[in-house]
Amino acid sequence: MFVIMGASNHSEFERVQHDYYATDPQAVEELLKVESFDKNILEPCCGEGHISKVLEKHGYMVESSDLIDRNFGTGGVDYLTIKSWHGDIITNPPYKHAKEFVEHSIKIIKPGQRVAMLLKIQFLESVKRRELFEENPPKYVYVFSKRVNCARNGDFKGFPRNSAICYCWYIWEKGFKGEPVIRWI
């Protein structure tokens, strides 16, 4: 039961090395139905290109990189060392470093630019993240009405298609100081 619920502390599987859980391309398609982005996109956790390929198909210029070389984009890039980016950032970061990725992303973009991150809905809760949300509230949180899954090690065939994990797209706009809006997609 805990495996279906996605409770990693009760799972029969160990966490994947480097937290590689690939994004279902349909999750990106759903995001693009409700949001548009700067033509220049940085995807710093590109894995095998599941997000990047959808963005490119829709005409975005995507710079794809990852700490680990998975034969897509530029491997060996430590995102947290990048000093600036002139465009928007869209990614599914390693969850254990998600807060750092959000903070860094907001730091390296210009005012008005945006960050979209696919994260668990539980990212909203936590004493450690409260300061992040008070200083940099997301502008929108898009909750999936029909759950999407992330594939362990990029294996969409061998991963259960049903899960109790609820993923959301969080959209930050640098400089936004209002109340977040929750929407469903």
Protein backbone atom coordinates (compact mmCIF):
# COMPACT_ATOMS: atom_id res chain seq x y z
CA MET A 1 0.00 0.00 0.00
CA PHE A 2 2.78 2.47 0.86
CA VAL A 3 4.44 1.86 -2.52
CA ILE A 4 1.26 2.85 -4.36
CA MET A 5 0.97 5.91 -2.12
CA GLY A 6 4.50 6.90 -3.06
CA ALA A 7 5.72 6.88 0.52
CA SER A 8 9.45 6.59 -0.12
CA ASN A 9 10.18 5.60 3.46
CA HIS A 10 7.97 2.52 3.01
CA SER A 11 8.84 1.70 -0.60
CA GLU A 12 10.37 -1.58 -1.69
CA PHE A 13 12.75 0.53 -3.82
CA GLU A 14 15.68 2.61 -2.69
CA ARG A 15 15.65 6.22 -3.88
CA VAL A 16 17.15 6.47 -7.33
CA GLN A 17 20.74 7.67 -7.44
CA HIS A 18 20.81 11.42 -8.12
CA ASP A 19 17.00 11.52 -7.66
CA TYR A 20 16.32 10.84 -11.37
CA TYR A 21 12.56 10.71 -11.81
CA ALA A 22 11.75 11.71 -15.39
CA THR A 23 8.81 13.97 -16.20
CA ASP A 24 5.91 12.60 -18.19
CA PRO A 25 5.90 14.70 -21.40
CA GLN A 26 2.12 15.07 -21.03
CA ALA A 27 2.75 17.15 -17.89
CA VAL A 28 4.63 19.68 -20.03
CA GLU A 29 1.90 19.66 -22.69
CA GLU A 30 -0.67 20.48 -20.00
CA LEU A 31 1.47 23.33 -18.68
CA LEU A 32 1.81 24.85 -22.15
CA LYS A 33 -1.98 24.88 -22.54
CA VAL A 34 -2.22 27.42 -19.70
CA GLU A 35 1.13 29.27 -19.72
CA SER A 36 3.55 30.69 -22.25
CA PHE A 37 7.16 31.46 -21.54
CA ASP A 38 10.11 33.49 -22.78
CA LYS A 39 11.45 32.03 -26.03
CA ASN A 40 14.72 31.20 -24.22
CA ILE A 41 14.36 28.38 -21.70
CA LEU A 42 16.92 26.78 -19.43
CA GLU A 43 16.24 23.16 -18.46
CA PRO A 44 18.99 22.43 -15.89
CA CYS A 45 17.83 18.89 -14.96
CA CYS A 46 17.19 17.63 -18.48
CA GLY A 47 17.77 13.93 -17.89
CA GLU A 48 16.96 12.31 -21.22
CA GLY A 49 15.12 15.38 -22.52
CA HIS A 50 11.53 14.63 -21.54
CA ILE A 51 10.75 18.31 -20.79
CA SER A 52 13.14 19.84 -23.34
CA LYS A 53 11.81 17.88 -26.31
CA VAL A 54 8.23 19.04 -25.68
CA LEU A 55 9.36 22.65 -25.31
CA GLU A 56 11.40 22.46 -28.52
CA LYS A 57 8.41 20.96 -30.35
CA HIS A 58 6.47 24.09 -29.34
CA GLY A 59 9.16 26.42 -30.73
CA TYR A 60 11.12 27.29 -27.61
CA MET A 61 14.91 27.63 -27.70
CA VAL A 62 16.00 25.29 -24.90
CA GLU A 63 19.41 25.06 -23.29
CA SER A 64 19.45 21.60 -21.75
CA SER A 65 21.96 20.47 -19.15
CA ASP A 66 22.24 18.07 -16.24
CA LEU A 67 24.72 17.15 -13.55
CA ILE A 68 24.67 13.59 -14.91
CA ASP A 69 25.28 12.84 -18.60
CA ARG A 70 22.29 10.87 -19.86
CA ASN A 71 23.09 11.36 -23.56
CA PHE A 72 20.92 14.46 -23.90
CA GLY A 73 21.97 18.07 -23.47
CA THR A 74 25.22 18.95 -21.77
CA GLY A 75 26.23 16.61 -18.95
CA GLY A 76 28.41 17.46 -15.99
CA VAL A 77 26.85 20.89 -15.36
CA ASP A 78 26.30 21.81 -11.71
CA TYR A 79 23.28 24.11 -12.00
CA LEU A 80 23.87 25.68 -8.62
CA THR A 81 27.11 27.24 -9.94
CA ILE A 82 25.47 29.06 -12.89
CA LYS A 83 25.68 32.84 -12.31
CA SER A 84 22.88 34.18 -14.55
CA TRP A 85 20.26 33.27 -17.14
CA HIS A 86 18.48 35.52 -19.63
CA GLY A 87 15.12 33.81 -20.06
CA ASP A 88 12.81 31.51 -18.12
CA ILE A 89 13.65 28.24 -16.34
CA ILE A 90 11.52 25.11 -16.53
CA THR A 91 12.54 21.89 -14.79
CA ASN A 92 11.76 18.96 -12.53
CA PRO A 93 14.57 19.27 -9.96
CA PRO A 94 15.86 16.54 -7.67
CA TYR A 95 13.30 16.77 -4.88
CA LYS A 96 15.82 16.67 -2.05
CA HIS A 97 17.38 19.86 -3.50
CA ALA A 98 14.18 21.51 -4.74
CA LYS A 99 14.29 24.44 -2.32
CA GLU A 100 17.87 25.22 -3.32
CA PHE A 101 16.93 25.01 -6.99
CA VAL A 102 13.99 27.39 -6.56
CA GLU A 103 16.08 29.91 -4.61
CA HIS A 104 18.95 29.72 -7.09
CA SER A 105 16.64 30.03 -10.09
CA ILE A 106 15.01 33.17 -8.74
CA LYS A 107 18.44 34.61 -7.95
CA ILE A 108 19.90 34.14 -11.47
CA ILE A 109 17.00 35.47 -13.57
CA LYS A 110 15.99 39.07 -14.26
CA PRO A 111 12.88 40.68 -12.73
CA GLY A 112 9.75 39.60 -14.57
CA GLN A 113 11.32 36.33 -15.76
CA ARG A 114 9.74 33.12 -14.57
CA VAL A 115 10.58 29.74 -13.08
CA ALA A 116 8.35 26.68 -13.53
CA MET A 117 9.10 23.65 -11.40
CA LEU A 118 7.30 20.32 -11.28
CA LEU A 119 7.14 19.44 -7.58
CA LYS A 120 5.02 17.45 -5.19
CA ILE A 121 2.09 19.29 -3.65
CA GLN A 122 3.74 18.64 -0.27
CA PHE A 123 6.37 21.19 -1.28
CA LEU A 124 3.88 23.76 0.06
CA GLU A 125 4.35 22.50 3.60
CA SER A 126 7.49 22.74 5.71
CA VAL A 127 8.93 25.04 8.30
CA LYS A 128 12.16 25.19 6.27
CA ARG A 129 10.35 26.40 3.12
CA ARG A 130 8.07 28.92 4.82
CA GLU A 131 10.63 31.72 4.50
CA LEU A 132 11.03 30.92 0.80
CA PHE A 133 7.27 31.27 0.26
CA GLU A 134 7.07 34.46 2.30
CA GLU A 135 9.94 36.11 0.41
CA ASN A 136 9.19 34.60 -3.02
CA PRO A 137 5.62 33.35 -3.25
CA PRO A 138 4.74 31.41 -6.38
CA LYS A 139 2.41 33.32 -8.66
CA TYR A 140 0.51 30.18 -9.66
CA VAL A 141 0.32 26.58 -8.55
CA TYR A 142 -1.23 24.30 -11.18
CA VAL A 143 -2.60 21.10 -9.65
CA PHE A 144 -3.26 18.21 -12.00
CA SER A 145 -6.87 17.00 -11.92
CA LYS A 146 -5.66 13.73 -13.41
CA ARG A 147 -2.42 12.69 -11.79
CA VAL A 148 0.79 12.57 -13.75
CA ASN A 149 3.68 10.34 -12.83
CA CYS A 150 7.41 10.65 -12.90
CA ALA A 151 9.31 7.61 -14.08
CA ARG A 152 11.99 6.07 -11.91
CA ASN A 153 15.29 6.25 -13.83
CA GLY A 154 13.35 7.45 -16.88
CA ASP A 155 11.64 4.06 -17.32
CA PHE A 156 8.03 4.87 -18.20
CA LYS A 157 7.31 1.22 -19.11
CA GLY A 158 8.44 -0.31 -15.84
CA PHE A 159 6.96 2.32 -13.51
CA PRO A 160 3.47 2.07 -12.02
CA ARG A 161 1.02 4.33 -13.88
CA ASN A 162 -1.05 4.99 -10.78
CA SER A 163 0.31 6.72 -7.76
CA ALA A 164 -0.90 8.67 -4.76
CA ILE A 165 1.77 11.33 -5.38
CA CYS A 166 0.27 14.62 -6.48
CA TYR A 167 2.56 16.72 -8.66
CA CYS A 168 1.99 20.40 -9.42
CA TRP A 169 3.57 23.01 -11.59
CA TYR A 170 4.77 25.91 -9.43
CA ILE A 171 5.29 29.18 -11.30
CA TRP A 172 7.45 31.90 -9.77
CA GLU A 173 7.83 35.33 -11.36
CA LYS A 174 10.80 37.28 -10.06
CA GLY A 175 9.51 40.31 -8.20
CA PHE A 176 5.95 39.00 -7.67
CA LYS A 177 4.71 39.78 -4.15
CA GLY A 178 0.99 38.88 -4.23
CA GLU A 179 -0.94 35.89 -3.02
CA PRO A 180 -0.48 32.66 -4.99
CA VAL A 181 -3.35 31.52 -7.18
CA ILE A 182 -4.24 27.83 -7.25
CA ARG A 183 -5.51 26.53 -10.59
CA TRP A 184 -6.35 23.08 -11.89
CA ILE A 185 -5.19 21.56 -15.12
